[in-house]
Protein backbone atom coordinates (compact mmCIF):
# COMPACT_ATOMS: atom_id res chain seq x y z
CA UNK A 1 125.20 138.30 70.29
CA UNK A 2 122.97 136.73 67.66
CA UNK A 3 120.75 133.68 68.19
CA UNK A 4 122.84 131.78 65.66
CA UNK A 5 125.85 132.19 67.94
CA UNK A 6 124.09 130.27 70.73
CA UNK A 7 124.05 126.49 70.83
CA UNK A 8 120.61 125.02 70.30
CA UNK A 9 119.27 122.74 73.03
CA UNK A 10 117.95 119.27 72.26
CA UNK A 11 116.68 116.56 74.57
CA UNK A 12 119.44 114.18 73.46
CA UNK A 13 122.13 116.78 74.14
CA UNK A 14 121.22 117.38 77.78
CA UNK A 15 124.26 117.36 80.03
CA UNK A 16 124.75 114.00 81.83
CA UNK A 17 124.90 115.77 85.21
CA UNK A 18 121.54 117.37 84.55
CA UNK A 19 120.16 113.97 83.53
CA UNK A 20 121.30 112.46 86.83
CA UNK A 21 119.78 115.31 88.82
CA UNK A 22 116.50 114.90 86.94
CA UNK A 23 116.56 111.14 87.48
CA UNK A 24 116.82 111.67 91.25
CA UNK A 25 113.93 114.13 91.15
CA UNK A 26 111.75 111.62 89.28
CA UNK A 27 112.58 108.67 91.55
CA UNK A 28 109.35 107.00 92.63
CA UNK A 29 107.22 109.08 90.24
CA UNK A 30 105.87 106.06 88.29
CA UNK A 31 104.87 104.37 91.55
CA UNK A 32 103.14 107.52 92.78
CA UNK A 33 101.27 107.85 89.49
CA UNK A 34 100.33 104.17 89.64
CA UNK A 35 98.86 104.61 93.13
CA UNK A 36 96.64 107.36 91.73
CA UNK A 37 95.31 105.51 88.67
CA UNK A 38 95.77 101.83 89.56
CA UNK A 39 92.03 101.18 90.02
CA UNK A 40 91.22 102.48 86.54
CA UNK A 41 94.15 100.71 84.87
CA UNK A 42 93.58 97.37 86.61
CA UNK A 43 89.86 97.55 85.81
CA UNK A 44 90.67 98.08 82.12
CA UNK A 45 93.19 95.23 82.09
CA UNK A 46 90.67 92.93 83.76
CA UNK A 47 88.02 93.88 81.21
CA UNK A 48 90.39 93.27 78.27
CA UNK A 49 91.52 89.84 79.53
CA UNK A 50 88.21 88.58 80.91
CA UNK A 51 86.99 85.48 79.13
CA UNK A 52 90.21 85.05 77.15
CA UNK A 53 92.20 82.14 78.66
CA UNK A 54 94.80 82.49 75.88
CA UNK A 55 96.13 85.56 77.70
CA UNK A 56 97.46 83.27 80.42
CA UNK A 57 98.96 80.63 78.17
CA UNK A 58 102.49 79.82 79.27
CA UNK A 59 102.00 81.43 82.69
CA UNK A 60 102.97 79.05 85.49
CA UNK A 61 100.41 79.05 88.32
CA UNK A 62 101.96 80.00 91.61
CA UNK A 63 102.68 76.95 93.71
CA UNK A 64 102.95 74.70 90.67
CA UNK A 65 106.10 72.97 89.53
CA UNK A 66 107.62 73.11 92.97
CA UNK A 67 108.42 76.80 92.58
CA UNK A 68 106.70 77.82 95.78
CA UNK A 69 106.67 76.01 99.08
CA UNK A 70 103.60 74.00 99.90
CA UNK A 71 101.85 75.22 103.01
CA UNK A 72 102.45 73.06 106.05
CA UNK A 73 99.77 71.82 108.39
CA UNK A 74 99.61 73.92 111.58
CA UNK A 75 100.93 72.38 114.79
CA UNK A 76 98.72 72.26 117.88
CA UNK A 77 100.05 74.30 120.82
CA UNK A 78 101.50 72.39 123.74
CA UNK A 79 99.50 72.48 126.95
CA UNK A 80 101.35 74.42 129.67
CA UNK A 81 102.30 72.58 132.84
CA UNK A 82 99.64 72.88 135.53
CA UNK A 83 97.01 74.26 133.14
CA UNK A 84 93.64 74.53 134.88
CA UNK A 85 90.41 76.40 134.28
CA UNK A 86 90.43 79.33 136.78
CA UNK A 87 86.65 78.97 137.20
CA UNK A 88 87.03 75.52 138.80
CA UNK A 89 90.58 75.69 140.17
CA UNK A 90 89.29 75.49 143.76
CA UNK A 91 86.24 73.30 143.08
CA UNK A 92 87.97 70.32 141.46
CA UNK A 93 91.05 68.29 142.16
CA UNK A 94 93.05 68.39 145.32
CA UNK A 95 91.59 71.77 146.37
CA UNK A 96 87.99 70.57 146.39
CA UNK A 97 87.98 69.21 149.96
CA UNK A 98 89.34 72.42 151.51
CA UNK A 99 86.38 74.70 150.88
CA UNK A 100 82.65 74.76 151.32
CA UNK A 101 81.05 77.65 149.44
CA UNK A 102 82.16 79.75 146.45
CA UNK A 103 81.24 83.06 144.88
CA UNK A 104 80.10 83.54 141.26
CA UNK A 105 83.71 83.58 140.03
CA UNK A 106 84.54 80.29 141.73
CA UNK A 107 86.53 81.90 144.56
CA UNK A 108 86.04 80.16 147.97
CA UNK A 109 84.15 82.12 150.63
CA UNK A 110 84.16 79.48 153.43
CA UNK A 111 86.23 76.56 154.53
CA UNK A 112 84.95 72.99 154.37
CA UNK A 113 83.62 73.27 157.94
CA UNK A 114 81.64 76.42 157.04
CA UNK A 115 84.02 78.91 158.64
CA UNK A 116 84.31 82.14 156.67
CA UNK A 117 87.68 82.71 155.01
CA UNK A 118 89.76 85.59 156.34
CA UNK A 119 90.48 88.50 153.97
CA UNK A 120 94.17 87.63 153.92
CA UNK A 121 93.40 84.07 152.84
CA UNK A 122 90.99 85.26 150.14
CA UNK A 123 93.58 87.65 148.73
CA UNK A 124 96.10 84.84 148.51
CA UNK A 125 93.55 82.69 146.65
CA UNK A 126 92.78 85.60 144.29
CA UNK A 127 96.45 85.89 143.35
CA UNK A 128 96.57 82.15 142.72
CA UNK A 129 93.41 82.32 140.64
CA UNK A 130 94.63 85.34 138.60
CA UNK A 131 97.91 83.59 137.80
CA UNK A 132 96.07 80.50 136.60
CA UNK A 133 93.69 82.73 134.62
CA UNK A 134 96.54 84.38 132.72
CA UNK A 135 98.01 81.02 131.71
CA UNK A 136 94.57 79.68 130.79
CA UNK A 137 93.58 82.63 128.58
CA UNK A 138 96.93 82.66 126.77
CA UNK A 139 96.57 78.97 125.98
CA UNK A 140 92.96 79.39 124.84
CA UNK A 141 94.03 82.08 122.36
CA UNK A 142 96.74 79.80 121.02
CA UNK A 143 94.23 76.97 120.62
CA UNK A 144 91.79 79.26 118.82
CA UNK A 145 94.49 80.45 116.41
CA UNK A 146 95.49 76.85 115.77
CA UNK A 147 91.91 75.79 115.01
CA UNK A 148 91.42 78.70 112.59
CA UNK A 149 94.69 77.90 110.84
CA UNK A 150 93.75 74.22 110.68
CA UNK A 151 90.39 75.00 109.07
CA UNK A 152 92.07 77.23 106.49
CA UNK A 153 94.64 74.54 105.76
CA UNK A 154 92.01 71.86 105.31
CA UNK A 155 89.97 74.14 103.05
CA UNK A 156 93.00 74.84 100.86
CA UNK A 157 93.85 71.13 100.67
CA UNK A 158 90.31 70.06 99.86
CA UNK A 159 89.63 72.98 97.53
CA UNK A 160 92.61 72.25 95.28
CA UNK A 161 92.20 74.45 92.22
CA UNK A 162 88.80 75.77 93.25
CA UNK A 163 88.53 79.54 93.06
CA UNK A 164 90.91 79.74 90.10
CA UNK A 165 89.95 80.92 86.64
CA UNK A 166 91.49 81.62 83.29
CA UNK A 167 93.69 78.58 82.82
CA UNK A 168 94.15 77.76 86.49
CA UNK A 169 95.60 81.16 87.44
CA UNK A 170 94.33 82.27 90.84
CA UNK A 171 92.69 85.63 91.36
CA UNK A 172 95.54 86.75 93.60
CA UNK A 173 98.13 85.89 90.93
CA UNK A 174 96.09 87.64 88.24
CA UNK A 175 95.84 90.77 90.40
CA UNK A 176 99.62 90.80 90.84
CA UNK A 177 100.05 90.46 87.08
CA UNK A 178 97.60 93.29 86.41
CA UNK A 179 99.49 95.54 88.82
CA UNK A 180 102.86 94.70 87.25
CA UNK A 181 101.52 95.31 83.74
CA UNK A 182 99.81 98.53 84.84
CA UNK A 183 103.02 99.83 86.42
CA UNK A 184 104.87 99.10 83.17
CA UNK A 185 102.28 101.10 81.21
CA UNK A 186 102.50 104.01 83.65
CA UNK A 187 106.31 103.99 83.45
CA UNK A 188 106.20 104.22 79.67
CA UNK A 189 103.65 107.05 79.80
CA UNK A 190 105.72 108.97 82.36
CA UNK A 191 108.84 108.62 80.21
CA UNK A 192 106.95 109.74 77.08
CA UNK A 193 105.33 112.73 78.77
CA UNK A 194 108.65 113.71 80.35
CA UNK A 195 110.45 113.64 76.99
CA UNK A 196 107.60 115.54 75.31
CA UNK A 197 107.76 118.23 77.98
CA UNK A 198 111.55 118.38 77.65
CA UNK A 199 111.19 118.88 73.89
CA UNK A 200 108.70 121.72 74.47
CA UNK A 201 111.06 123.38 76.94
CA UNK A 202 113.96 123.03 74.53
CA UNK A 203 111.88 124.73 71.83
CA UNK A 204 111.01 127.59 74.19
CA UNK A 205 114.66 128.01 75.17
CA UNK A 206 115.86 128.00 71.56
CA UNK A 207 113.23 130.59 70.62
CA UNK A 208 114.39 132.89 73.44
CA UNK A 209 111.19 132.73 75.51
CA UNK A 210 113.17 131.71 78.60
CA UNK A 211 116.18 133.99 78.19
CA UNK A 212 117.33 135.54 81.49
CA UNK A 213 117.48 139.37 81.66
CA UNK A 214 121.30 139.45 81.47
CA UNK A 215 121.18 137.52 78.18
CA UNK A 216 118.37 139.63 76.74
CA UNK A 217 120.48 142.74 77.38
CA UNK A 218 123.22 141.62 74.97
CA UNK A 219 121.16 139.58 72.50
CA UNK A 220 120.28 141.10 69.13
CA UNK A 221 116.53 140.90 68.69
CA UNK A 222 115.65 139.56 65.29
CA UNK A 223 112.24 140.40 63.83
CA UNK A 224 111.15 138.76 60.62
CA UNK A 225 108.49 140.54 58.60
CA UNK A 226 107.04 139.36 55.33
CA UNK A 227 107.29 141.97 52.60
CA UNK A 228 103.90 142.97 51.28
CA UNK A 229 103.61 143.14 47.52
CA UNK A 230 100.79 145.43 46.27
CA UNK A 231 100.31 146.04 42.57
CA UNK A 232 96.95 147.85 42.66
CA UNK A 233 97.69 151.65 42.57
CA UNK A 234 94.75 152.79 44.70
CA UNK A 235 95.46 150.25 47.44
CA UNK A 236 99.13 151.23 47.41
CA UNK A 237 98.13 154.86 47.94
CA UNK A 238 95.73 153.99 50.75
CA UNK A 239 98.42 151.91 52.47
CA UNK A 240 100.22 155.17 53.27
CA UNK A 241 97.44 155.91 55.76
CA UNK A 242 97.00 152.30 56.93
CA UNK A 243 100.17 151.85 58.94
CA UNK A 244 98.80 148.88 60.89
CA UNK A 245 97.86 147.07 57.66
CA UNK A 246 94.33 146.43 58.83
CA UNK A 247 92.87 147.22 55.41
CA UNK A 248 90.54 149.85 56.75
CA UNK A 249 90.68 153.67 57.03
CA UNK A 250 88.96 156.32 59.11
CA UNK A 251 86.67 158.72 57.22
CA UNK A 252 88.86 161.61 58.35
CA UNK A 253 91.57 160.36 55.93
CA UNK A 254 89.38 161.39 53.00
CA UNK A 255 88.89 165.03 54.01
């Protein structure tokens, strides 16, 4: 078999099945590459667009034009029924007249007449106090979350467009745009490098560098040598002893 009898491989002529298999193998590759170089790419994009508001012309700020929902004011949590501070549950209210002395945690140690409370009675009061404590702490956490959310809401309402640059585009929106643009660049580079590598492989295959042993066994090896034309008589005579065509002879050739 001669090389001319074999079909040459080109990137465009790759079998569709092979293309699909390759596509599956490369799934997620641009994203993986982007994760590796995103800091460098985003930094370069930021540097190229910094101080040039024209870059953002025509870009609609997020939240403008009714395209995104306006944040709603947080709602205060409802107070649970029977909510009471566990530290004063037995000191205030209807329980106050029943007891005389209390420990550091507000748990009664004596009755109103000074009689020490029995262990059984104290344990019952501890269970009551612990139950009230669980409800109290849960509500306090909800109140704290509400207050933090309320402060953030007020700051966003009062701040308006503060913290935005480059034509009113917020930093968060710009970062998203940089990432999207960077991913697009990486995708194009991956496609280019993949096609370039495919072209190199096709060239190696067509030249026989990747022939399997069973093909090499039946393939006629073609060797192309350029014919040397020598017109000088002495050099032609010396060439008889210079089989490697190195243009040099051992002294023994002259004996």
